[in-house]
């Protein structure tokens, strides 16, 4: 790789705001906010709204939508709409 044309690849803490879980990983993203990690070192922190730790698809807590009930309600609501005059 050519030197000085790529962004710095550094350790960063990703903080999941929904679950409170913190993950130390490497990225090119940076932040002014810092925190101390379990190893005693200080790293930049990037807050994320949702991650695999809190997303319903990954946690298995997803809601199953009642599509049949929604279709029936839609049809009942718009039963006479757009009919011929």
C-alpha atoms as a PDB file:
ATOM      1  CA  UNK A   1       0.000   0.000   0.000  1.00  0.00           C
ATOM      2  CA  UNK A   2       1.067   3.534  -0.597  1.00  0.00           C
ATOM      3  CA  UNK A   3       1.836   5.407   2.582  1.00  0.00           C
ATOM      4  CA  UNK A   4      -0.099   8.496   3.722  1.00  0.00           C
ATOM      5  CA  UNK A   5      -3.092   8.032   1.374  1.00  0.00           C
ATOM      6  CA  UNK A   6      -5.185   5.706   3.549  1.00  0.00           C
ATOM      7  CA  UNK A   7      -7.039   6.699   6.731  1.00  0.00           C
ATOM      8  CA  UNK A   8      -5.713   5.448  10.067  1.00  0.00           C
ATOM      9  CA  UNK A   9      -7.018   2.025  11.030  1.00  0.00           C
ATOM     10  CA  UNK A  10      -7.373   2.161  14.814  1.00  0.00           C
ATOM     11  CA  UNK A  11      -9.138   0.516  17.734  1.00  0.00           C
ATOM     12  CA  UNK A  12     -12.501   2.072  18.617  1.00  0.00           C
ATOM     13  CA  UNK A  13     -15.204   1.192  21.147  1.00  0.00           C
ATOM     14  CA  UNK A  14     -18.691   0.904  19.652  1.00  0.00           C
ATOM     15  CA  UNK A  15     -21.324   1.610  22.313  1.00  0.00           C
ATOM     16  CA  UNK A  16     -24.814   0.196  21.620  1.00  0.00           C
ATOM     17  CA  UNK A  17     -27.203   2.740  23.141  1.00  0.00           C
ATOM     18  CA  UNK A  18     -30.165   0.328  23.138  1.00  0.00           C
ATOM     19  CA  UNK A  19     -28.533  -2.551  25.045  1.00  0.00           C
ATOM     20  CA  UNK A  20     -25.541  -0.882  26.668  1.00  0.00           C
ATOM     21  CA  UNK A  21     -23.131  -3.433  25.213  1.00  0.00           C
ATOM     22  CA  UNK A  22     -19.695  -2.197  24.224  1.00  0.00           C
ATOM     23  CA  UNK A  23     -17.531  -3.750  21.515  1.00  0.00           C
ATOM     24  CA  UNK A  24     -13.845  -3.061  20.902  1.00  0.00           C
ATOM     25  CA  UNK A  25     -12.954  -3.390  17.237  1.00  0.00           C
ATOM     26  CA  UNK A  26     -10.852  -1.708  14.580  1.00  0.00           C
ATOM     27  CA  UNK A  27     -12.158   0.847  12.109  1.00  0.00           C
ATOM     28  CA  UNK A  28     -11.199   3.970  10.200  1.00  0.00           C
ATOM     29  CA  UNK A  29     -13.966   5.963  11.922  1.00  0.00           C
ATOM     30  CA  UNK A  30     -12.936   8.345  14.686  1.00  0.00           C
ATOM     31  CA  UNK A  31     -14.597  10.198  17.525  1.00  0.00           C
ATOM     32  CA  UNK A  32     -13.696  12.939  19.984  1.00  0.00           C
ATOM     33  CA  UNK A  33     -15.435  11.044  22.813  1.00  0.00           C
ATOM     34  CA  UNK A  34     -13.163   8.586  24.648  1.00  0.00           C
ATOM     35  CA  UNK A  35     -13.519   5.899  27.308  1.00  0.00           C
ATOM     36  CA  UNK A  36     -11.301   3.482  29.150  1.00  0.00           C
ATOM     37  CA  UNK A  37     -11.569  -0.160  28.093  1.00  0.00           C
ATOM     38  CA  UNK A  38     -11.114  -3.274  30.260  1.00  0.00           C
ATOM     39  CA  UNK A  39      -7.416  -3.481  29.358  1.00  0.00           C
ATOM     40  CA  UNK A  40      -6.770  -0.053  30.921  1.00  0.00           C
ATOM     41  CA  UNK A  41      -6.211   1.764  27.615  1.00  0.00           C
ATOM     42  CA  UNK A  42      -8.284   4.724  26.438  1.00  0.00           C
ATOM     43  CA  UNK A  43     -10.010   4.462  23.048  1.00  0.00           C
ATOM     44  CA  UNK A  44     -12.369   6.655  21.011  1.00  0.00           C
ATOM     45  CA  UNK A  45     -16.070   5.795  21.486  1.00  0.00           C
ATOM     46  CA  UNK A  46     -18.695   5.745  18.736  1.00  0.00           C
ATOM     47  CA  UNK A  47     -22.316   5.529  19.885  1.00  0.00           C
ATOM     48  CA  UNK A  48     -24.644   3.467  17.691  1.00  0.00           C
ATOM     49  CA  UNK A  49     -28.435   3.318  17.978  1.00  0.00           C
ATOM     50  CA  UNK A  50     -28.675  -0.413  17.370  1.00  0.00           C
ATOM     51  CA  UNK A  51     -26.333  -3.353  16.842  1.00  0.00           C
ATOM     52  CA  UNK A  52     -26.535  -7.133  16.709  1.00  0.00           C
ATOM     53  CA  UNK A  53     -26.812  -7.099  20.513  1.00  0.00           C
ATOM     54  CA  UNK A  54     -30.126  -5.207  20.440  1.00  0.00           C
ATOM     55  CA  UNK A  55     -31.605  -5.739  16.960  1.00  0.00           C
ATOM     56  CA  UNK A  56     -34.778  -7.886  17.126  1.00  0.00           C
ATOM     57  CA  UNK A  57     -33.679 -10.083  14.211  1.00  0.00           C
ATOM     58  CA  UNK A  58     -30.509 -11.162  16.004  1.00  0.00           C
ATOM     59  CA  UNK A  59     -31.971 -11.373  19.517  1.00  0.00           C
ATOM     60  CA  UNK A  60     -34.986 -13.460  18.453  1.00  0.00           C
ATOM     61  CA  UNK A  61     -37.445 -11.005  19.998  1.00  0.00           C
ATOM     62  CA  UNK A  62     -39.001  -9.879  16.742  1.00  0.00           C
ATOM     63  CA  UNK A  63     -42.730  -9.313  16.469  1.00  0.00           C
ATOM     64  CA  UNK A  64     -44.696 -11.407  14.035  1.00  0.00           C
ATOM     65  CA  UNK A  65     -47.065  -9.196  12.083  1.00  0.00           C
ATOM     66  CA  UNK A  66     -50.659 -10.219  11.606  1.00  0.00           C
ATOM     67  CA  UNK A  67     -50.810  -9.706   7.854  1.00  0.00           C
ATOM     68  CA  UNK A  68     -54.152 -11.486   7.423  1.00  0.00           C
ATOM     69  CA  UNK A  69     -55.831  -9.201   9.946  1.00  0.00           C
ATOM     70  CA  UNK A  70     -54.351  -6.117   8.322  1.00  0.00           C
ATOM     71  CA  UNK A  71     -55.568  -7.139   4.873  1.00  0.00           C
ATOM     72  CA  UNK A  72     -59.076  -7.787   6.206  1.00  0.00           C
ATOM     73  CA  UNK A  73     -59.153  -4.400   7.945  1.00  0.00           C
ATOM     74  CA  UNK A  74     -57.930  -2.688   4.776  1.00  0.00           C
ATOM     75  CA  UNK A  75     -60.595  -4.387   2.659  1.00  0.00           C
ATOM     76  CA  UNK A  76     -63.327  -3.524   5.157  1.00  0.00           C
ATOM     77  CA  UNK A  77     -62.211   0.087   5.362  1.00  0.00           C
ATOM     78  CA  UNK A  78     -62.085   0.667   1.610  1.00  0.00           C
ATOM     79  CA  UNK A  79     -64.915  -1.682   0.600  1.00  0.00           C
ATOM     80  CA  UNK A  80     -66.928   0.827  -1.453  1.00  0.00           C
ATOM     81  CA  UNK A  81     -64.069   3.095  -2.472  1.00  0.00           C
ATOM     82  CA  UNK A  82     -63.542   3.571  -6.206  1.00  0.00           C
ATOM     83  CA  UNK A  83     -66.651   1.677  -7.276  1.00  0.00           C
ATOM     84  CA  UNK A  84     -68.536   2.569 -10.431  1.00  0.00           C
ATOM     85  CA  UNK A  85     -71.191   5.290 -10.209  1.00  0.00           C
END
